[in-house]
Amino acid sequence: MFYNLFLPGGIGGDAYKVILLNKRDKQSVKKLTAAVLLDRISGVAGLGILVAVYYFLIYKGAFYSYWLLAAVVPGLIIYYIFVKMLFPSFLKSFWSTLWLGLLVQFLQVICVYCLMASIDLHAHQNEYVFLFLLSSIVAILPFTIGGLGAREVVFLWGSEKFMLDTHQSIYISILFYLITLMISFIGVRWVYKSPLDEAGLNATSLVS
C-alpha cells in the first residue's frame, strides 16, 4: 500500500511484490507478473459489479441500467474464458480471487458510508458511492501519485452531473485519501527492512 500510494499510478507496490517474490522463490517474472495482473483485474471486476449495481439503484431501470446490470453475468463469463485461455494455471483460484476482490471493494464502500455519516450527509448516498467507485477505477491509471487529483476530478464531474454539493463531494474524496495515506505510511518501515524477514522467512538478501 505504501508503494502504491507514493509512486505514480498505484502500481508501485505490485512491482515491488514481483521483484521481492522473484528473488525469494526464483519464480519467473512472467508468472509473478501474471499473478499480480490477475489480482488487479479481479479488483477491477469487483468495482465493475458494484458500479453496475449502483448505476441501477440510481436510475432504476432507465438509461440502460437494466442492460448494464444484466451484462455482469456475460462479463464474468468472458473474464473466465480470458483467464482459461491465457492463464490456465491460475484458473483454480479464479472464483476465490474474484470474491475476495469484490469483498475488498465492498469494504471500501462501507468506508464511504461511514465517511458520509461522519459529515452528516444522508441525501443522494447512492450517487456519492457510485462516483467513488468510478473514481477508484480512474485512480488506478498511471496519471497521478496515489490517485490524488484523479479521484477529485471524477467527483467534481459527477457532482455537476447529478447536481450534488461539490464541496461535499470533494470532501469525501479527500477524507478517503487522508485515511489511506495515514494507514499506508506505516509501510515506510519496510522500505529499509524486508517484510519477509519479519514473517520468519529466509530472505536476507532481498533488500541488498
N, C-alpha and C. Protein backbone atom coordinates (compact mmCIF):
# COMPACT_ATOMS: atom_id res chain seq x y z
N MET A 1 0.83 -1.21 0.00
CA MET A 1 0.00 0.00 0.00
C MET A 1 0.86 1.26 0.00
N PHE A 2 1.97 1.20 0.71
CA PHE A 2 2.87 2.37 0.77
C PHE A 2 3.39 2.71 -0.62
N TYR A 3 3.93 1.72 -1.32
CA TYR A 3 4.48 1.98 -2.65
C TYR A 3 3.38 2.33 -3.65
N ASN A 4 2.23 1.71 -3.53
CA ASN A 4 1.12 2.04 -4.43
C ASN A 4 0.68 3.48 -4.26
N LEU A 5 0.77 4.00 -3.04
CA LEU A 5 0.29 5.34 -2.77
C LEU A 5 1.30 6.41 -3.15
N PHE A 6 2.59 6.13 -2.94
CA PHE A 6 3.59 7.17 -3.11
C PHE A 6 4.34 7.10 -4.44
N LEU A 7 3.99 6.12 -5.27
CA LEU A 7 4.55 6.05 -6.62
C LEU A 7 3.43 6.24 -7.62
N PRO A 8 3.73 6.77 -8.82
CA PRO A 8 2.67 7.08 -9.80
C PRO A 8 1.85 5.85 -10.20
N GLY A 9 0.55 6.06 -10.31
CA GLY A 9 -0.32 5.05 -10.91
C GLY A 9 -0.85 3.99 -10.00
N GLY A 10 -0.39 3.93 -8.78
CA GLY A 10 -0.91 2.93 -7.86
C GLY A 10 -0.47 1.51 -8.16
N ILE A 11 0.67 1.35 -8.85
CA ILE A 11 1.15 0.00 -9.18
C ILE A 11 2.57 -0.24 -8.67
N GLY A 12 3.12 0.72 -7.93
CA GLY A 12 4.49 0.54 -7.42
C GLY A 12 4.59 -0.64 -6.48
N GLY A 13 3.56 -0.85 -5.67
CA GLY A 13 3.55 -1.99 -4.76
C GLY A 13 3.49 -3.31 -5.49
N ASP A 14 2.82 -3.32 -6.62
CA ASP A 14 2.74 -4.53 -7.43
C ASP A 14 4.11 -4.91 -7.98
N ALA A 15 4.82 -3.90 -8.48
CA ALA A 15 6.17 -4.14 -8.99
C ALA A 15 7.09 -4.63 -7.87
N TYR A 16 6.92 -4.05 -6.69
CA TYR A 16 7.71 -4.44 -5.53
C TYR A 16 7.47 -5.91 -5.19
N LYS A 17 6.21 -6.34 -5.21
CA LYS A 17 5.89 -7.73 -4.92
C LYS A 17 6.54 -8.67 -5.92
N VAL A 18 6.50 -8.30 -7.19
CA VAL A 18 7.10 -9.15 -8.23
C VAL A 18 8.60 -9.31 -8.00
N ILE A 19 9.30 -8.19 -7.73
CA ILE A 19 10.75 -8.23 -7.52
C ILE A 19 11.09 -9.05 -6.28
N LEU A 20 10.35 -8.81 -5.20
CA LEU A 20 10.61 -9.48 -3.93
C LEU A 20 10.42 -10.99 -4.04
N LEU A 21 9.30 -11.39 -4.62
CA LEU A 21 9.00 -12.83 -4.73
C LEU A 21 9.89 -13.52 -5.76
N ASN A 22 10.31 -12.79 -6.77
CA ASN A 22 11.22 -13.36 -7.76
C ASN A 22 12.57 -13.68 -7.12
N LYS A 23 13.05 -12.79 -6.27
CA LYS A 23 14.34 -13.02 -5.61
C LYS A 23 14.24 -14.14 -4.57
N ARG A 24 13.09 -14.22 -3.89
CA ARG A 24 12.95 -15.22 -2.84
C ARG A 24 12.67 -16.61 -3.39
N ASP A 25 11.69 -16.72 -4.26
CA ASP A 25 11.23 -18.03 -4.73
C ASP A 25 11.78 -18.45 -6.07
N LYS A 26 12.49 -17.55 -6.73
CA LYS A 26 13.07 -17.83 -8.05
C LYS A 26 12.00 -18.20 -9.08
N GLN A 27 10.79 -17.72 -8.85
CA GLN A 27 9.74 -17.89 -9.85
C GLN A 27 9.98 -16.92 -11.00
N SER A 28 9.48 -17.27 -12.18
CA SER A 28 9.69 -16.41 -13.34
C SER A 28 8.94 -15.10 -13.16
N VAL A 29 9.55 -14.03 -13.63
CA VAL A 29 8.93 -12.72 -13.56
C VAL A 29 7.61 -12.71 -14.33
N LYS A 30 7.58 -13.45 -15.42
CA LYS A 30 6.37 -13.51 -16.24
C LYS A 30 5.19 -14.08 -15.45
N LYS A 31 5.44 -15.15 -14.71
CA LYS A 31 4.37 -15.80 -13.96
C LYS A 31 3.93 -14.93 -12.78
N LEU A 32 4.89 -14.32 -12.11
CA LEU A 32 4.56 -13.44 -10.99
C LEU A 32 3.79 -12.21 -11.46
N THR A 33 4.20 -11.67 -12.60
CA THR A 33 3.50 -10.52 -13.16
C THR A 33 2.08 -10.88 -13.53
N ALA A 34 1.90 -12.08 -14.06
CA ALA A 34 0.55 -12.55 -14.40
C ALA A 34 -0.32 -12.65 -13.16
N ALA A 35 0.27 -13.15 -12.07
CA ALA A 35 -0.48 -13.28 -10.81
C ALA A 35 -0.90 -11.91 -10.30
N VAL A 36 0.02 -10.95 -10.32
CA VAL A 36 -0.28 -9.60 -9.86
C VAL A 36 -1.31 -8.94 -10.77
N LEU A 37 -1.17 -9.18 -12.08
CA LEU A 37 -2.12 -8.61 -13.05
C LEU A 37 -3.53 -9.14 -12.80
N LEU A 38 -3.65 -10.44 -12.60
CA LEU A 38 -4.96 -11.03 -12.35
C LEU A 38 -5.54 -10.55 -11.03
N ASP A 39 -4.67 -10.31 -10.06
CA ASP A 39 -5.12 -9.76 -8.79
C ASP A 39 -5.73 -8.38 -9.01
N ARG A 40 -5.08 -7.58 -9.84
CA ARG A 40 -5.59 -6.26 -10.17
C ARG A 40 -6.92 -6.36 -10.92
N ILE A 41 -6.97 -7.26 -11.90
CA ILE A 41 -8.17 -7.40 -12.71
C ILE A 41 -9.35 -7.84 -11.85
N SER A 42 -9.09 -8.71 -10.88
CA SER A 42 -10.17 -9.16 -10.01
C SER A 42 -10.73 -7.99 -9.20
N GLY A 43 -9.84 -7.07 -8.80
CA GLY A 43 -10.29 -5.87 -8.10
C GLY A 43 -11.14 -4.98 -8.98
N VAL A 44 -10.71 -4.82 -10.24
CA VAL A 44 -11.47 -4.01 -11.19
C VAL A 44 -12.81 -4.68 -11.50
N ALA A 45 -12.81 -6.01 -11.57
CA ALA A 45 -14.06 -6.74 -11.80
C ALA A 45 -15.03 -6.50 -10.66
N GLY A 46 -14.51 -6.51 -9.43
CA GLY A 46 -15.35 -6.22 -8.27
C GLY A 46 -15.91 -4.81 -8.34
N LEU A 47 -15.07 -3.86 -8.74
CA LEU A 47 -15.54 -2.48 -8.92
C LEU A 47 -16.62 -2.41 -9.99
N GLY A 48 -16.40 -3.14 -11.09
CA GLY A 48 -17.37 -3.13 -12.20
C GLY A 48 -18.73 -3.65 -11.77
N ILE A 49 -18.74 -4.72 -10.97
CA ILE A 49 -20.00 -5.28 -10.49
C ILE A 49 -20.74 -4.26 -9.62
N LEU A 50 -20.01 -3.62 -8.71
CA LEU A 50 -20.63 -2.64 -7.82
C LEU A 50 -21.08 -1.39 -8.58
N VAL A 51 -20.32 -0.99 -9.60
CA VAL A 51 -20.72 0.14 -10.44
C VAL A 51 -22.06 -0.15 -11.11
N ALA A 52 -22.19 -1.37 -11.66
CA ALA A 52 -23.44 -1.76 -12.32
C ALA A 52 -24.61 -1.75 -11.33
N VAL A 53 -24.37 -2.22 -10.13
CA VAL A 53 -25.43 -2.27 -9.11
C VAL A 53 -25.87 -0.86 -8.72
N TYR A 54 -24.91 0.02 -8.47
CA TYR A 54 -25.26 1.37 -8.04
C TYR A 54 -25.82 2.21 -9.19
N TYR A 55 -25.39 1.96 -10.40
CA TYR A 55 -25.97 2.63 -11.56
C TYR A 55 -27.44 2.27 -11.68
N PHE A 56 -27.75 1.00 -11.43
CA PHE A 56 -29.15 0.55 -11.45
C PHE A 56 -29.95 1.19 -10.32
N LEU A 57 -29.36 1.28 -9.13
CA LEU A 57 -30.06 1.88 -7.99
C LEU A 57 -30.35 3.36 -8.23
N ILE A 58 -29.47 4.02 -8.95
CA ILE A 58 -29.66 5.45 -9.22
C ILE A 58 -30.75 5.67 -10.27
N TYR A 59 -30.68 4.91 -11.37
CA TYR A 59 -31.58 5.17 -12.49
C TYR A 59 -32.81 4.26 -12.52
N LYS A 60 -32.80 3.19 -11.69
CA LYS A 60 -33.98 2.33 -11.52
C LYS A 60 -34.55 1.84 -12.85
N GLY A 61 -33.68 1.37 -13.71
CA GLY A 61 -34.12 0.79 -14.97
C GLY A 61 -33.96 1.71 -16.17
N ALA A 62 -33.86 3.00 -15.94
CA ALA A 62 -33.70 3.95 -17.04
C ALA A 62 -32.24 4.03 -17.47
N PHE A 63 -32.01 4.68 -18.61
CA PHE A 63 -30.67 4.91 -19.14
C PHE A 63 -29.86 3.61 -19.20
N TYR A 64 -30.48 2.55 -19.71
CA TYR A 64 -29.82 1.26 -19.95
C TYR A 64 -29.28 0.60 -18.67
N SER A 65 -29.80 1.00 -17.52
CA SER A 65 -29.29 0.43 -16.27
C SER A 65 -29.62 -1.06 -16.15
N TYR A 66 -30.77 -1.48 -16.69
CA TYR A 66 -31.09 -2.91 -16.70
C TYR A 66 -30.07 -3.68 -17.53
N TRP A 67 -29.73 -3.10 -18.68
CA TRP A 67 -28.77 -3.77 -19.57
C TRP A 67 -27.39 -3.87 -18.92
N LEU A 68 -27.00 -2.79 -18.25
CA LEU A 68 -25.68 -2.81 -17.61
C LEU A 68 -25.64 -3.86 -16.50
N LEU A 69 -26.70 -3.95 -15.73
CA LEU A 69 -26.75 -4.94 -14.66
C LEU A 69 -26.77 -6.35 -15.23
N ALA A 70 -27.52 -6.54 -16.31
CA ALA A 70 -27.59 -7.86 -16.94
C ALA A 70 -26.26 -8.26 -17.58
N ALA A 71 -25.45 -7.26 -17.92
CA ALA A 71 -24.16 -7.54 -18.58
C ALA A 71 -23.13 -8.10 -17.61
N VAL A 72 -23.40 -8.06 -16.32
CA VAL A 72 -22.45 -8.55 -15.32
C VAL A 72 -22.15 -10.03 -15.54
N VAL A 73 -23.19 -10.84 -15.73
CA VAL A 73 -23.01 -12.29 -15.89
C VAL A 73 -22.21 -12.63 -17.14
N PRO A 74 -22.60 -12.16 -18.34
CA PRO A 74 -21.77 -12.46 -19.51
C PRO A 74 -20.37 -11.88 -19.40
N GLY A 75 -20.25 -10.75 -18.69
CA GLY A 75 -18.92 -10.16 -18.49
C GLY A 75 -18.02 -11.08 -17.69
N LEU A 76 -18.59 -11.70 -16.64
CA LEU A 76 -17.82 -12.65 -15.83
C LEU A 76 -17.46 -13.89 -16.63
N ILE A 77 -18.37 -14.31 -17.50
CA ILE A 77 -18.09 -15.48 -18.35
C ILE A 77 -16.93 -15.19 -19.28
N ILE A 78 -16.94 -14.00 -19.88
CA ILE A 78 -15.85 -13.60 -20.77
C ILE A 78 -14.53 -13.52 -20.00
N TYR A 79 -14.59 -12.98 -18.79
CA TYR A 79 -13.40 -12.90 -17.94
C TYR A 79 -12.88 -14.30 -17.62
N TYR A 80 -13.77 -15.23 -17.32
CA TYR A 80 -13.38 -16.62 -17.02
C TYR A 80 -12.70 -17.26 -18.24
N ILE A 81 -13.27 -17.06 -19.42
CA ILE A 81 -12.69 -17.61 -20.65
C ILE A 81 -11.32 -16.99 -20.92
N PHE A 82 -11.20 -15.69 -20.64
CA PHE A 82 -9.93 -14.98 -20.82
C PHE A 82 -8.84 -15.61 -19.95
N VAL A 83 -9.15 -15.86 -18.69
CA VAL A 83 -8.19 -16.48 -17.78
C VAL A 83 -7.88 -17.91 -18.22
N LYS A 84 -8.90 -18.64 -18.63
CA LYS A 84 -8.72 -20.03 -19.04
C LYS A 84 -7.81 -20.15 -20.26
N MET A 85 -7.93 -19.21 -21.18
CA MET A 85 -7.15 -19.27 -22.42
C MET A 85 -5.72 -18.78 -22.22
N LEU A 86 -5.55 -17.70 -21.47
CA LEU A 86 -4.23 -17.07 -21.35
C LEU A 86 -3.47 -17.44 -20.09
N PHE A 87 -4.20 -17.74 -19.00
CA PHE A 87 -3.54 -18.05 -17.74
C PHE A 87 -4.17 -19.29 -17.10
N PRO A 88 -4.12 -20.44 -17.77
CA PRO A 88 -4.81 -21.64 -17.27
C PRO A 88 -4.34 -22.11 -15.89
N SER A 89 -3.08 -21.84 -15.56
CA SER A 89 -2.57 -22.29 -14.26
C SER A 89 -3.20 -21.55 -13.08
N PHE A 90 -3.85 -20.42 -13.36
CA PHE A 90 -4.49 -19.64 -12.31
C PHE A 90 -5.99 -19.89 -12.23
N LEU A 91 -6.49 -20.79 -13.07
CA LEU A 91 -7.93 -20.99 -13.16
C LEU A 91 -8.53 -21.49 -11.85
N LYS A 92 -7.79 -22.33 -11.12
CA LYS A 92 -8.34 -22.92 -9.89
C LYS A 92 -8.60 -21.88 -8.80
N SER A 93 -7.95 -20.74 -8.91
CA SER A 93 -8.16 -19.68 -7.91
C SER A 93 -9.05 -18.55 -8.45
N PHE A 94 -9.70 -18.80 -9.58
CA PHE A 94 -10.48 -17.74 -10.24
C PHE A 94 -11.58 -17.20 -9.33
N TRP A 95 -12.43 -18.10 -8.83
CA TRP A 95 -13.60 -17.65 -8.07
C TRP A 95 -13.22 -17.09 -6.70
N SER A 96 -12.25 -17.73 -6.04
CA SER A 96 -11.85 -17.22 -4.73
C SER A 96 -11.25 -15.83 -4.85
N THR A 97 -10.45 -15.61 -5.90
CA THR A 97 -9.85 -14.29 -6.12
C THR A 97 -10.92 -13.26 -6.46
N LEU A 98 -11.88 -13.67 -7.27
CA LEU A 98 -12.95 -12.76 -7.65
C LEU A 98 -13.77 -12.32 -6.44
N TRP A 99 -14.16 -13.29 -5.60
CA TRP A 99 -14.99 -12.96 -4.43
C TRP A 99 -14.21 -12.13 -3.42
N LEU A 100 -12.93 -12.43 -3.26
CA LEU A 100 -12.13 -11.63 -2.33
C LEU A 100 -11.96 -10.20 -2.86
N GLY A 101 -11.76 -10.09 -4.17
CA GLY A 101 -11.66 -8.75 -4.77
C GLY A 101 -12.95 -7.96 -4.58
N LEU A 102 -14.08 -8.64 -4.76
CA LEU A 102 -15.38 -7.99 -4.55
C LEU A 102 -15.56 -7.59 -3.10
N LEU A 103 -15.10 -8.43 -2.18
CA LEU A 103 -15.20 -8.14 -0.75
C LEU A 103 -14.40 -6.90 -0.39
N VAL A 104 -13.20 -6.79 -0.92
CA VAL A 104 -12.35 -5.62 -0.65
C VAL A 104 -13.05 -4.34 -1.10
N GLN A 105 -13.61 -4.37 -2.31
CA GLN A 105 -14.29 -3.18 -2.82
C GLN A 105 -15.54 -2.86 -1.99
N PHE A 106 -16.24 -3.90 -1.55
CA PHE A 106 -17.43 -3.70 -0.73
C PHE A 106 -17.07 -3.05 0.62
N LEU A 107 -15.93 -3.46 1.19
CA LEU A 107 -15.48 -2.87 2.44
C LEU A 107 -15.14 -1.39 2.25
N GLN A 108 -14.62 -1.04 1.08
CA GLN A 108 -14.35 0.37 0.81
C GLN A 108 -15.64 1.16 0.69
N VAL A 109 -16.67 0.52 0.13
CA VAL A 109 -17.97 1.16 0.04
C VAL A 109 -18.51 1.44 1.45
N ILE A 110 -18.34 0.48 2.35
CA ILE A 110 -18.76 0.68 3.74
C ILE A 110 -18.01 1.87 4.35
N CYS A 111 -16.73 1.98 4.02
CA CYS A 111 -15.93 3.11 4.50
C CYS A 111 -16.52 4.43 4.03
N VAL A 112 -16.97 4.48 2.78
CA VAL A 112 -17.56 5.71 2.25
C VAL A 112 -18.85 6.04 2.98
N TYR A 113 -19.66 5.03 3.27
CA TYR A 113 -20.88 5.26 4.05
C TYR A 113 -20.54 5.85 5.42
N CYS A 114 -19.49 5.33 6.03
CA CYS A 114 -19.06 5.85 7.34
C CYS A 114 -18.59 7.30 7.22
N LEU A 115 -17.88 7.62 6.14
CA LEU A 115 -17.43 8.99 5.93
C LEU A 115 -18.62 9.92 5.75
N MET A 116 -19.62 9.48 4.99
CA MET A 116 -20.81 10.30 4.79
C MET A 116 -21.55 10.52 6.11
N ALA A 117 -21.61 9.49 6.94
CA ALA A 117 -22.26 9.62 8.24
C ALA A 117 -21.50 10.59 9.13
N SER A 118 -20.16 10.58 9.02
CA SER A 118 -19.33 11.45 9.87
C SER A 118 -19.52 12.93 9.56
N ILE A 119 -19.92 13.24 8.32
CA ILE A 119 -20.16 14.65 7.95
C ILE A 119 -21.66 14.93 7.81
N ASP A 120 -22.46 14.00 8.36
CA ASP A 120 -23.92 14.16 8.39
C ASP A 120 -24.50 14.35 6.99
N LEU A 121 -24.03 13.51 6.08
CA LEU A 121 -24.51 13.55 4.70
C LEU A 121 -25.38 12.32 4.44
N HIS A 122 -26.66 12.54 4.28
CA HIS A 122 -27.59 11.42 4.16
C HIS A 122 -28.36 11.42 2.83
N ALA A 123 -28.31 12.50 2.10
CA ALA A 123 -29.02 12.57 0.82
C ALA A 123 -28.12 12.14 -0.33
N HIS A 124 -28.72 11.50 -1.33
CA HIS A 124 -28.02 11.10 -2.56
C HIS A 124 -26.81 10.21 -2.28
N GLN A 125 -26.93 9.33 -1.31
CA GLN A 125 -25.80 8.47 -0.96
C GLN A 125 -25.42 7.53 -2.09
N ASN A 126 -26.41 7.02 -2.81
CA ASN A 126 -26.10 6.12 -3.93
C ASN A 126 -25.24 6.82 -4.98
N GLU A 127 -25.54 8.08 -5.23
CA GLU A 127 -24.77 8.83 -6.22
C GLU A 127 -23.33 9.05 -5.76
N TYR A 128 -23.16 9.36 -4.49
CA TYR A 128 -21.80 9.57 -3.97
C TYR A 128 -20.98 8.28 -4.02
N VAL A 129 -21.61 7.16 -3.65
CA VAL A 129 -20.90 5.87 -3.70
C VAL A 129 -20.57 5.51 -5.14
N PHE A 130 -21.49 5.76 -6.05
CA PHE A 130 -21.25 5.49 -7.48
C PHE A 130 -20.04 6.28 -7.98
N LEU A 131 -19.97 7.55 -7.60
CA LEU A 131 -18.83 8.36 -8.02
C LEU A 131 -17.53 7.87 -7.39
N PHE A 132 -17.61 7.42 -6.15
CA PHE A 132 -16.43 6.88 -5.50
C PHE A 132 -15.91 5.64 -6.25
N LEU A 133 -16.82 4.76 -6.66
CA LEU A 133 -16.42 3.56 -7.39
C LEU A 133 -15.78 3.91 -8.73
N LEU A 134 -16.38 4.88 -9.43
CA LEU A 134 -15.78 5.33 -10.70
C LEU A 134 -14.41 5.94 -10.46
N SER A 135 -14.29 6.72 -9.40
CA SER A 135 -13.00 7.37 -9.11
C SER A 135 -11.93 6.34 -8.75
N SER A 136 -12.34 5.22 -8.15
CA SER A 136 -11.39 4.16 -7.81
C SER A 136 -10.81 3.52 -9.06
N ILE A 137 -11.64 3.40 -10.09
CA ILE A 137 -11.16 2.86 -11.36
C ILE A 137 -10.18 3.82 -12.01
N VAL A 138 -10.54 5.11 -12.02
CA VAL A 138 -9.68 6.13 -12.62
C VAL A 138 -8.37 6.25 -11.87
N ALA A 139 -8.40 6.09 -10.55
CA ALA A 139 -7.20 6.24 -9.73
C ALA A 139 -6.15 5.18 -10.03
N ILE A 140 -6.56 4.06 -10.64
CA ILE A 140 -5.60 3.01 -10.98
C ILE A 140 -4.69 3.45 -12.13
N LEU A 141 -5.21 4.31 -13.01
CA LEU A 141 -4.45 4.75 -14.17
C LEU A 141 -3.23 5.55 -13.74
N PRO A 142 -2.08 5.35 -14.43
CA PRO A 142 -0.82 5.99 -14.00
C PRO A 142 -0.71 7.45 -14.39
N PHE A 143 -1.62 8.28 -13.85
CA PHE A 143 -1.59 9.70 -14.16
C PHE A 143 -1.13 10.54 -12.98
N THR A 144 -1.43 10.09 -11.76
CA THR A 144 -1.12 10.90 -10.59
C THR A 144 -0.46 10.04 -9.52
N ILE A 145 0.01 10.67 -8.45
CA ILE A 145 0.62 9.98 -7.33
C ILE A 145 -0.49 9.46 -6.41
N GLY A 146 -0.59 8.14 -6.35
CA GLY A 146 -1.58 7.53 -5.48
C GLY A 146 -3.02 7.87 -5.80
N GLY A 147 -3.28 8.31 -7.03
CA GLY A 147 -4.64 8.66 -7.42
C GLY A 147 -5.10 10.02 -6.97
N LEU A 148 -4.22 10.79 -6.27
CA LEU A 148 -4.58 12.11 -5.80
C LEU A 148 -4.84 13.03 -6.99
N GLY A 149 -5.97 13.66 -6.99
CA GLY A 149 -6.36 14.54 -8.09
C GLY A 149 -7.29 13.84 -9.06
N ALA A 150 -6.98 12.58 -9.40
CA ALA A 150 -7.83 11.83 -10.32
C ALA A 150 -9.20 11.58 -9.69
N ARG A 151 -9.21 11.18 -8.43
CA ARG A 151 -10.48 10.97 -7.73
C ARG A 151 -11.30 12.27 -7.68
N GLU A 152 -10.62 13.35 -7.35
CA GLU A 152 -11.32 14.62 -7.19
C GLU A 152 -11.94 15.09 -8.50
N VAL A 153 -11.26 14.84 -9.62
CA VAL A 153 -11.81 15.22 -10.93
C VAL A 153 -13.11 14.47 -11.19
N VAL A 154 -13.12 13.18 -10.87
CA VAL A 154 -14.34 12.38 -11.06
C VAL A 154 -15.47 12.89 -10.17
N PHE A 155 -15.15 13.16 -8.91
CA PHE A 155 -16.18 13.68 -8.00
C PHE A 155 -16.69 15.05 -8.46
N LEU A 156 -15.80 15.88 -8.97
CA LEU A 156 -16.20 17.19 -9.45
C LEU A 156 -17.12 17.08 -10.65
N TRP A 157 -16.74 16.21 -11.59
CA TRP A 157 -17.59 15.98 -12.77
C TRP A 157 -18.94 15.40 -12.37
N GLY A 158 -18.92 14.42 -11.48
CA GLY A 158 -20.15 13.76 -11.08
C GLY A 158 -21.08 14.65 -10.29
N SER A 159 -20.51 15.53 -9.45
CA SER A 159 -21.35 16.42 -8.65
C SER A 159 -22.15 17.36 -9.55
N GLU A 160 -21.56 17.74 -10.68
CA GLU A 160 -22.27 18.59 -11.63
C GLU A 160 -23.34 17.79 -12.38
N LYS A 161 -23.00 16.56 -12.73
CA LYS A 161 -23.95 15.72 -13.48
C LYS A 161 -25.16 15.36 -12.64
N PHE A 162 -24.94 15.00 -11.38
CA PHE A 162 -26.04 14.58 -10.51
C PHE A 162 -26.57 15.72 -9.64
N MET A 163 -26.06 16.94 -9.87
CA MET A 163 -26.48 18.12 -9.11
C MET A 163 -26.28 17.91 -7.60
N LEU A 164 -25.08 17.48 -7.24
CA LEU A 164 -24.72 17.26 -5.85
C LEU A 164 -23.92 18.45 -5.33
N ASP A 165 -23.72 18.47 -4.04
CA ASP A 165 -22.90 19.51 -3.43
C ASP A 165 -21.43 19.25 -3.76
N THR A 166 -20.84 20.15 -4.53
CA THR A 166 -19.45 19.97 -4.99
C THR A 166 -18.48 19.88 -3.82
N HIS A 167 -18.69 20.72 -2.82
CA HIS A 167 -17.78 20.74 -1.67
C HIS A 167 -17.85 19.41 -0.90
N GLN A 168 -19.05 18.89 -0.72
CA GLN A 168 -19.21 17.62 -0.03
C GLN A 168 -18.56 16.49 -0.82
N SER A 169 -18.70 16.54 -2.14
CA SER A 169 -18.11 15.51 -2.99
C SER A 169 -16.59 15.46 -2.84
N ILE A 170 -15.97 16.64 -2.94
CA ILE A 170 -14.52 16.72 -2.81
C ILE A 170 -14.08 16.34 -1.40
N TYR A 171 -14.89 16.72 -0.43
CA TYR A 171 -14.59 16.42 0.98
C TYR A 171 -14.51 14.92 1.20
N ILE A 172 -15.46 14.18 0.65
CA ILE A 172 -15.46 12.71 0.78
C ILE A 172 -14.18 12.13 0.18
N SER A 173 -13.84 12.61 -1.01
CA SER A 173 -12.65 12.12 -1.69
C SER A 173 -11.38 12.39 -0.89
N ILE A 174 -11.25 13.62 -0.37
CA ILE A 174 -10.06 14.00 0.39
C ILE A 174 -9.98 13.20 1.69
N LEU A 175 -11.11 13.02 2.37
CA LEU A 175 -11.11 12.25 3.62
C LEU A 175 -10.66 10.83 3.37
N PHE A 176 -11.16 10.21 2.32
CA PHE A 176 -10.76 8.84 2.00
C PHE A 176 -9.27 8.77 1.70
N TYR A 177 -8.77 9.75 0.96
CA TYR A 177 -7.35 9.77 0.63
C TYR A 177 -6.49 9.91 1.88
N LEU A 178 -6.90 10.80 2.79
CA LEU A 178 -6.11 11.04 4.00
C LEU A 178 -6.08 9.80 4.90
N ILE A 179 -7.22 9.11 4.99
CA ILE A 179 -7.24 7.86 5.77
C ILE A 179 -6.30 6.84 5.16
N THR A 180 -6.36 6.69 3.84
CA THR A 180 -5.47 5.76 3.14
C THR A 180 -4.02 6.16 3.33
N LEU A 181 -3.75 7.46 3.28
CA LEU A 181 -2.40 7.98 3.46
C LEU A 181 -1.84 7.61 4.83
N MET A 182 -2.63 7.83 5.87
CA MET A 182 -2.16 7.56 7.23
C MET A 182 -1.89 6.06 7.45
N ILE A 183 -2.79 5.23 6.93
CA ILE A 183 -2.60 3.78 7.10
C ILE A 183 -1.41 3.29 6.29
N SER A 184 -1.30 3.77 5.06
CA SER A 184 -0.23 3.29 4.18
C SER A 184 1.15 3.74 4.63
N PHE A 185 1.22 4.89 5.28
CA PHE A 185 2.53 5.43 5.67
C PHE A 185 3.23 4.55 6.68
N ILE A 186 2.48 3.69 7.37
CA ILE A 186 3.10 2.73 8.28
C ILE A 186 4.11 1.86 7.53
N GLY A 187 3.85 1.65 6.24
CA GLY A 187 4.70 0.79 5.43
C GLY A 187 6.09 1.34 5.16
N VAL A 188 6.36 2.59 5.57
CA VAL A 188 7.68 3.17 5.32
C VAL A 188 8.77 2.38 6.04
N ARG A 189 8.42 1.70 7.13
CA ARG A 189 9.43 0.93 7.89
C ARG A 189 10.00 -0.20 7.05
N TRP A 190 9.21 -0.73 6.09
CA TRP A 190 9.68 -1.86 5.29
C TRP A 190 10.42 -1.43 4.03
N VAL A 191 10.60 -0.12 3.87
CA VAL A 191 11.48 0.35 2.80
C VAL A 191 12.91 -0.04 3.13
N TYR A 192 13.22 -0.10 4.43
CA TYR A 192 14.58 -0.37 4.88
C TYR A 192 14.74 -1.77 5.48
N LYS A 193 13.63 -2.50 5.59
CA LYS A 193 13.69 -3.85 6.14
C LYS A 193 12.70 -4.73 5.42
N SER A 194 13.15 -5.89 4.99
CA SER A 194 12.27 -6.78 4.24
C SER A 194 11.09 -7.26 5.09
N PRO A 195 9.86 -7.14 4.60
CA PRO A 195 8.70 -7.67 5.33
C PRO A 195 8.73 -9.19 5.45
N LEU A 196 9.44 -9.85 4.55
CA LEU A 196 9.52 -11.31 4.60
C LEU A 196 10.41 -11.76 5.75
N ASP A 197 11.38 -10.92 6.15
CA ASP A 197 12.21 -11.26 7.30
C ASP A 197 11.36 -11.34 8.57
N GLU A 198 10.44 -10.40 8.71
CA GLU A 198 9.60 -10.36 9.89
C GLU A 198 8.60 -11.51 9.90
N ALA A 199 8.35 -12.09 8.73
CA ALA A 199 7.44 -13.23 8.65
C ALA A 199 8.16 -14.53 8.97
N GLY A 200 9.45 -14.42 9.32
CA GLY A 200 10.20 -15.62 9.68
C GLY A 200 10.73 -16.38 8.48
N LEU A 201 10.81 -15.70 7.33
CA LEU A 201 11.26 -16.35 6.10
C LEU A 201 12.72 -16.01 5.86
N ASN A 202 13.37 -16.89 5.15
CA ASN A 202 14.78 -16.68 4.83
C ASN A 202 14.90 -15.77 3.63
N ALA A 203 14.99 -14.49 3.89
CA ALA A 203 15.03 -13.51 2.78
C ALA A 203 16.08 -12.45 3.07
N THR A 204 17.25 -12.88 3.54
CA THR A 204 18.26 -11.93 3.98
C THR A 204 18.83 -11.09 2.84
N SER A 205 18.75 -11.61 1.62
CA SER A 205 19.37 -10.89 0.51
C SER A 205 18.38 -10.11 -0.31
N LEU A 206 17.12 -10.06 0.11
CA LEU A 206 16.09 -9.45 -0.73
C LEU A 206 16.25 -7.95 -0.88
N VAL A 207 16.73 -7.30 0.15
CA VAL A 207 16.82 -5.84 0.07
C VAL A 207 18.26 -5.38 -0.04
N SER A 208 19.15 -6.26 -0.41
CA SER A 208 20.55 -5.89 -0.57
C SER A 208 20.76 -5.14 -1.88
